[in-house]
C-alpha atoms as a PDB file:
ATOM      1  CA  GLN A   1      27.023   8.713 -28.180  1.00  0.00           C
ATOM      2  CA  LEU A   2      25.585   8.208 -24.886  1.00  0.00           C
ATOM      3  CA  GLN A   3      22.151   8.890 -25.277  1.00  0.00           C
ATOM      4  CA  VAL A   4      18.830   7.460 -23.602  1.00  0.00           C
ATOM      5  CA  VAL A   5      15.028   7.211 -25.993  1.00  0.00           C
ATOM      6  CA  GLU A   6      11.694   7.147 -24.332  1.00  0.00           C
ATOM      7  CA  SER A   7       9.294   5.977 -26.332  1.00  0.00           C
ATOM      8  CA  GLY A   8       6.068   4.647 -26.119  1.00  0.00           C
ATOM      9  CA  GLY A   9       3.673   7.562 -25.601  1.00  0.00           C
ATOM     10  CA  GLY A  10       0.576   8.375 -27.247  1.00  0.00           C
ATOM     11  CA  LEU A  11      -3.224   9.473 -26.836  1.00  0.00           C
ATOM     12  CA  VAL A  12      -5.160   6.933 -23.988  1.00  0.00           C
ATOM     13  CA  GLN A  13      -8.372   7.446 -22.644  1.00  0.00           C
ATOM     14  CA  PRO A  14      -8.764   7.827 -18.666  1.00  0.00           C
ATOM     15  CA  GLY A  15      -8.343   4.545 -17.078  1.00  0.00           C
ATOM     16  CA  GLY A  16      -5.955   3.130 -19.435  1.00  0.00           C
ATOM     17  CA  SER A  17      -2.500   1.905 -19.467  1.00  0.00           C
ATOM     18  CA  LEU A  18       0.045   2.842 -21.002  1.00  0.00           C
ATOM     19  CA  ARG A  19       3.939   1.360 -21.260  1.00  0.00           C
ATOM     20  CA  LEU A  20       6.657   4.192 -21.708  1.00  0.00           C
ATOM     21  CA  SER A  21      10.458   2.400 -22.511  1.00  0.00           C
ATOM     22  CA  CYS A  22      13.692   4.168 -21.619  1.00  0.00           C
ATOM     23  CA  GLU A  23      16.453   2.915 -24.297  1.00  0.00           C
ATOM     24  CA  ALA A  24      19.698   3.670 -23.410  1.00  0.00           C
ATOM     25  CA  SER A  25      22.652   3.180 -26.249  1.00  0.00           C
ATOM     26  CA  GLY A  26      26.281   4.203 -25.945  1.00  0.00           C
ATOM     27  CA  PHE A  27      26.241   2.691 -22.454  1.00  0.00           C
ATOM     28  CA  SER A  28      24.529   0.266 -19.993  1.00  0.00           C
ATOM     29  CA  LEU A  29      21.942   0.744 -18.232  1.00  0.00           C
ATOM     30  CA  ASP A  30      22.371  -0.898 -14.797  1.00  0.00           C
ATOM     31  CA  SER A  31      24.486   0.163 -13.637  1.00  0.00           C
ATOM     32  CA  TYR A  32      23.075   3.534 -13.596  1.00  0.00           C
ATOM     33  CA  ALA A  33      20.398   4.908 -11.791  1.00  0.00           C
ATOM     34  CA  ILE A  34      17.396   5.471 -14.397  1.00  0.00           C
ATOM     35  CA  GLY A  35      14.207   7.647 -13.336  1.00  0.00           C
ATOM     36  CA  TRP A  36      11.254   9.014 -14.746  1.00  0.00           C
ATOM     37  CA  PHE A  37      10.302  12.942 -14.964  1.00  0.00           C
ATOM     38  CA  ARG A  38       7.416  14.770 -16.301  1.00  0.00           C
ATOM     39  CA  GLN A  39       6.077  18.095 -17.884  1.00  0.00           C
ATOM     40  CA  ALA A  40       2.898  18.606 -17.605  1.00  0.00           C
ATOM     41  CA  PRO A  41       1.302  21.886 -19.959  1.00  0.00           C
ATOM     42  CA  GLY A  42       2.320  25.324 -17.869  1.00  0.00           C
ATOM     43  CA  LYS A  43       4.235  23.384 -15.022  1.00  0.00           C
ATOM     44  CA  GLY A  44       7.052  22.768 -13.970  1.00  0.00           C
ATOM     45  CA  ARG A  45       9.223  19.170 -14.106  1.00  0.00           C
ATOM     46  CA  GLU A  46       8.321  16.123 -11.746  1.00  0.00           C
ATOM     47  CA  GLY A  47       9.871  13.682 -10.324  1.00  0.00           C
ATOM     48  CA  VAL A  48       7.707  10.390 -11.212  1.00  0.00           C
ATOM     49  CA  LEU A  49      10.152   7.715 -10.553  1.00  0.00           C
ATOM     50  CA  CYS A  50      13.429   6.234 -10.372  1.00  0.00           C
ATOM     51  CA  ILE A  51      14.938   2.481 -10.218  1.00  0.00           C
ATOM     52  CA  SER A  52      18.632   2.380  -9.133  1.00  0.00           C
ATOM     53  CA  PRO A  53      21.643  -0.134  -9.893  1.00  0.00           C
ATOM     54  CA  SER A  54      20.316  -2.576  -7.499  1.00  0.00           C
ATOM     55  CA  GLY A  55      17.471  -2.334  -9.095  1.00  0.00           C
ATOM     56  CA  SER A  56      15.767  -0.693  -5.543  1.00  0.00           C
ATOM     57  CA  ASN A  57      12.763   2.345  -6.332  1.00  0.00           C
ATOM     58  CA  MET A  58      11.836   5.225  -5.188  1.00  0.00           C
ATOM     59  CA  THR A  59       8.848   6.785  -5.219  1.00  0.00           C
ATOM     60  CA  PHE A  60       8.901  10.968  -6.294  1.00  0.00           C
ATOM     61  CA  ALA A  61       5.496  11.126  -7.431  1.00  0.00           C
ATOM     62  CA  ASP A  62       2.772  10.772  -4.221  1.00  0.00           C
ATOM     63  CA  SER A  63      -0.226  10.863  -6.910  1.00  0.00           C
ATOM     64  CA  VAL A  64       1.536   8.003  -8.951  1.00  0.00           C
ATOM     65  CA  LYS A  65       1.577   5.829  -6.550  1.00  0.00           C
ATOM     66  CA  GLY A  66      -0.028   2.079  -6.779  1.00  0.00           C
ATOM     67  CA  ARG A  67      -0.557   2.657 -10.406  1.00  0.00           C
ATOM     68  CA  PHE A  68       3.317   3.582 -12.350  1.00  0.00           C
ATOM     69  CA  THR A  69       5.710   0.979 -12.021  1.00  0.00           C
ATOM     70  CA  ILE A  70       9.369   0.889 -13.459  1.00  0.00           C
ATOM     71  CA  SER A  71      11.250  -1.947 -14.309  1.00  0.00           C
ATOM     72  CA  ARG A  72      14.279  -2.272 -16.607  1.00  0.00           C
ATOM     73  CA  ASP A  73      15.440  -5.229 -18.349  1.00  0.00           C
ATOM     74  CA  ASN A  74      19.144  -5.170 -18.535  1.00  0.00           C
ATOM     75  CA  ALA A  75      19.692  -7.741 -22.196  1.00  0.00           C
ATOM     76  CA  LYS A  76      17.314  -5.522 -23.662  1.00  0.00           C
ATOM     77  CA  ASN A  77      19.176  -2.079 -22.195  1.00  0.00           C
ATOM     78  CA  THR A  78      16.049  -1.323 -21.540  1.00  0.00           C
ATOM     79  CA  VAL A  79      13.228   0.453 -18.088  1.00  0.00           C
ATOM     80  CA  TYR A  80       9.650   1.005 -18.713  1.00  0.00           C
ATOM     81  CA  LEU A  81       7.118   2.754 -16.626  1.00  0.00           C
ATOM     82  CA  GLN A  82       4.059   1.475 -16.643  1.00  0.00           C
ATOM     83  CA  MET A  83       1.165   3.443 -16.450  1.00  0.00           C
ATOM     84  CA  THR A  84      -2.105   1.810 -15.191  1.00  0.00           C
ATOM     85  CA  SER A  85      -5.311   3.806 -14.054  1.00  0.00           C
ATOM     86  CA  LEU A  86      -4.726   6.851 -16.048  1.00  0.00           C
ATOM     87  CA  LYS A  87      -5.642  10.036 -15.236  1.00  0.00           C
ATOM     88  CA  PRO A  88      -5.902  13.277 -17.657  1.00  0.00           C
ATOM     89  CA  GLU A  89      -3.848  14.901 -14.922  1.00  0.00           C
ATOM     90  CA  ASP A  90      -0.467  11.794 -15.762  1.00  0.00           C
ATOM     91  CA  THR A  91      -0.814  14.324 -19.634  1.00  0.00           C
ATOM     92  CA  ALA A  92       2.706  15.721 -19.968  1.00  0.00           C
ATOM     93  CA  ILE A  93       5.979  15.499 -21.871  1.00  0.00           C
ATOM     94  CA  TYR A  94       7.260  12.677 -20.002  1.00  0.00           C
ATOM     95  CA  TYR A  95      10.704  11.899 -20.000  1.00  0.00           C
ATOM     96  CA  CYS A  96      13.457   9.670 -18.801  1.00  0.00           C
ATOM     97  CA  ALA A  97      17.819  10.229 -17.684  1.00  0.00           C
ATOM     98  CA  ALA A  98      19.995   8.118 -16.590  1.00  0.00           C
ATOM     99  CA  ASP A  99      22.812   9.381 -13.687  1.00  0.00           C
ATOM    100  CA  SER A 100      24.455   7.612 -11.181  1.00  0.00           C
ATOM    101  CA  ASP A 101      22.201   7.428  -8.041  1.00  0.00           C
ATOM    102  CA  CYS A 102      17.987   8.073  -8.069  1.00  0.00           C
ATOM    103  CA  GLU A 103      19.103  10.884  -5.473  1.00  0.00           C
ATOM    104  CA  GLU A 104      21.101  13.216  -6.908  1.00  0.00           C
ATOM    105  CA  GLY A 105      20.592  15.478 -10.159  1.00  0.00           C
ATOM    106  CA  PHE A 106      20.016  13.624 -13.269  1.00  0.00           C
ATOM    107  CA  GLY A 107      22.728  14.593 -16.243  1.00  0.00           C
ATOM    108  CA  LEU A 108      21.779  12.359 -19.309  1.00  0.00           C
ATOM    109  CA  TRP A 109      17.292  13.012 -20.821  1.00  0.00           C
ATOM    110  CA  GLY A 110      15.871  12.147 -23.292  1.00  0.00           C
ATOM    111  CA  GLN A 111      14.034  14.003 -25.462  1.00  0.00           C
ATOM    112  CA  GLY A 112      10.664  12.971 -24.156  1.00  0.00           C
ATOM    113  CA  THR A 113       7.174  11.451 -25.295  1.00  0.00           C
ATOM    114  CA  GLN A 114       3.666  12.668 -25.391  1.00  0.00           C
ATOM    115  CA  VAL A 115       1.221  11.033 -23.113  1.00  0.00           C
ATOM    116  CA  THR A 116      -2.110  12.527 -23.471  1.00  0.00           C
ATOM    117  CA  VAL A 117      -5.279  10.950 -21.240  1.00  0.00           C
ATOM    118  CA  SER A 118      -8.499  12.329 -23.209  1.00  0.00           C
ATOM    119  CA  SER A 119     -11.624  11.368 -23.554  1.00  0.00           C
END
């Protein structure tokens, strides 16, 4: 069964950091684009970052530039979202998704992990 599973969410104070993980099973992540998305309470889903099969990155949200980075560990079949200088407005459910290209629609989605930034 093909799936991606997010982990690493939690409660963090403003200015803090978290690293989210997206682990794939049933396929190799290195052949796919992996995107991170988020949905805040009462808002629509927003793209955050994407990493292509070649390793190039695409930023969807200007608000995370300089604070969030995306990387992959092919040996662990995992993509990471490193989040620093977190703000209350980063509070959301974070999802990862897989597909062939960062610029196409994503077909395989995880269940999400909650990130709450609050003092």
